[in-house]
Amino acid sequence: MKWHLGKTFSIDTVFAQFIHLDEILNIGCNTIEMETASAFRAARLMNVPIMALFSIPDNVMVNKSLISGRTQKEMEYKRYVRHELFPKIILDIFENKIEVSLST
């Protein structure tokens, strides 16, 4: 599985961010996600630690998005990552009490 640490831009909209891609890239973000923005805001308000593990199958730079679709092979790989690899990673974090700290 290919992976890397990235700087994520979290926003609570599905399409509005696309007209701002250049600005988002210019501030150093290399991923955009819409699903966890509310969770991170709630965690900050409650002073509760939170962590997210993202699977980002869309890549507008190579024309792979909700709009342009994906190949069958890409969909199978996405399912493999979500159903096989992610559970192993999450269990490893909790079972081995891996400490994750990222500076903002």
Protein backbone atom coordinates (compact mmCIF):
# COMPACT_ATOMS: atom_id res chain seq x y z
CA MET A 1 0.00 0.00 0.00
CA LYS A 2 1.33 3.43 -0.90
CA TRP A 3 1.04 5.94 1.92
CA HIS A 4 2.43 9.25 3.05
CA LEU A 5 1.86 11.93 5.63
CA GLY A 6 0.07 14.87 4.18
CA LYS A 7 -1.34 18.24 5.06
CA THR A 8 -5.11 17.95 4.79
CA PHE A 9 -7.62 20.68 4.08
CA SER A 10 -10.88 19.76 5.84
CA ILE A 11 -14.09 21.40 4.72
CA ASP A 12 -17.77 20.58 5.14
CA THR A 13 -18.74 20.82 1.48
CA VAL A 14 -18.60 18.31 -1.35
CA PHE A 15 -17.94 20.50 -4.42
CA ALA A 16 -17.35 24.13 -3.39
CA GLN A 17 -13.63 23.60 -2.75
CA PHE A 18 -12.83 22.76 -6.39
CA ILE A 19 -12.82 26.42 -7.47
CA HIS A 20 -10.24 27.06 -4.72
CA LEU A 21 -7.79 24.25 -5.58
CA ASP A 22 -4.92 26.62 -6.42
CA GLU A 23 -5.31 28.45 -3.09
CA ILE A 24 -5.48 25.18 -1.16
CA LEU A 25 -2.33 23.89 -2.89
CA ASN A 26 -0.57 27.22 -2.24
CA ILE A 27 -1.03 26.89 1.53
CA GLY A 28 0.71 23.52 1.37
CA CYS A 29 -2.23 21.13 1.50
CA ASN A 30 -2.02 18.03 -0.64
CA THR A 31 -5.31 16.42 0.35
CA ILE A 32 -8.88 17.63 0.75
CA GLU A 33 -11.52 15.82 2.74
CA MET A 34 -15.07 16.63 3.65
CA GLU A 35 -16.15 14.00 6.17
CA THR A 36 -14.19 14.77 9.35
CA ALA A 37 -14.34 18.57 9.55
CA SER A 38 -17.23 18.44 12.04
CA ALA A 39 -15.59 15.74 14.15
CA PHE A 40 -12.37 17.74 14.47
CA ARG A 41 -14.29 20.89 15.38
CA ALA A 42 -16.28 19.05 18.05
CA ALA A 43 -13.10 17.48 19.46
CA ARG A 44 -11.44 20.89 19.68
CA LEU A 45 -14.45 22.35 21.50
CA MET A 46 -14.51 19.43 23.96
CA ASN A 47 -10.71 19.32 24.32
CA VAL A 48 -10.71 15.66 23.28
CA PRO A 49 -7.84 14.17 21.28
CA ILE A 50 -8.78 12.96 17.84
CA MET A 51 -7.04 11.24 14.99
CA ALA A 52 -8.10 10.40 11.46
CA LEU A 53 -6.85 7.78 9.07
CA PHE A 54 -7.74 8.77 5.54
CA SER A 55 -8.17 6.77 2.40
CA ILE A 56 -8.18 9.21 -0.48
CA PRO A 57 -9.04 7.47 -3.74
CA ASP A 58 -9.83 10.69 -5.60
CA ASN A 59 -7.05 12.62 -7.31
CA VAL A 60 -8.21 15.58 -9.36
CA MET A 61 -4.66 16.10 -10.63
CA VAL A 62 -4.96 12.86 -12.64
CA ASN A 63 -8.71 13.21 -13.34
CA LYS A 64 -9.88 10.68 -10.74
CA SER A 65 -12.80 12.01 -8.75
CA LEU A 66 -16.43 11.45 -7.87
CA ILE A 67 -17.27 12.85 -11.29
CA SER A 68 -14.75 11.10 -13.54
CA GLY A 69 -15.04 7.64 -12.02
CA ARG A 70 -12.57 4.84 -11.43
CA THR A 71 -11.62 1.54 -13.02
CA GLN A 72 -12.80 -1.79 -11.61
CA LYS A 73 -9.23 -2.52 -10.48
CA GLU A 74 -9.09 0.81 -8.61
CA MET A 75 -12.41 0.05 -6.90
CA GLU A 76 -11.19 -3.39 -5.82
CA TYR A 77 -8.00 -1.89 -4.40
CA LYS A 78 -10.02 0.74 -2.54
CA ARG A 79 -12.17 -1.99 -0.97
CA TYR A 80 -9.05 -3.98 -0.04
CA VAL A 81 -7.51 -0.98 1.71
CA ARG A 82 -10.69 -0.15 3.61
CA HIS A 83 -11.71 -3.69 4.54
CA GLU A 84 -8.33 -5.38 5.05
CA LEU A 85 -5.57 -2.86 5.72
CA PHE A 86 -7.33 -0.16 7.71
CA PRO A 87 -8.66 -2.55 10.38
CA LYS A 88 -5.13 -3.91 10.86
CA ILE A 89 -3.67 -0.43 11.18
CA ILE A 90 -6.33 0.67 13.67
CA LEU A 91 -5.97 -2.47 15.79
CA ASP A 92 -2.22 -2.03 15.82
CA ILE A 93 -2.58 1.55 17.05
CA PHE A 94 -4.79 0.50 19.97
CA GLU A 95 -3.19 -2.86 20.82
CA ASN A 96 0.34 -1.52 20.84
CA LYS A 97 -0.64 1.88 22.20
CA ILE A 98 1.23 3.58 19.40
CA GLU A 99 1.58 7.23 20.23
CA VAL A 100 0.92 9.51 17.30
CA SER A 101 1.76 13.17 17.53
CA LEU A 102 1.72 15.67 14.73
CA SER A 103 2.57 19.32 15.02
CA THR A 104 0.31 21.83 13.32
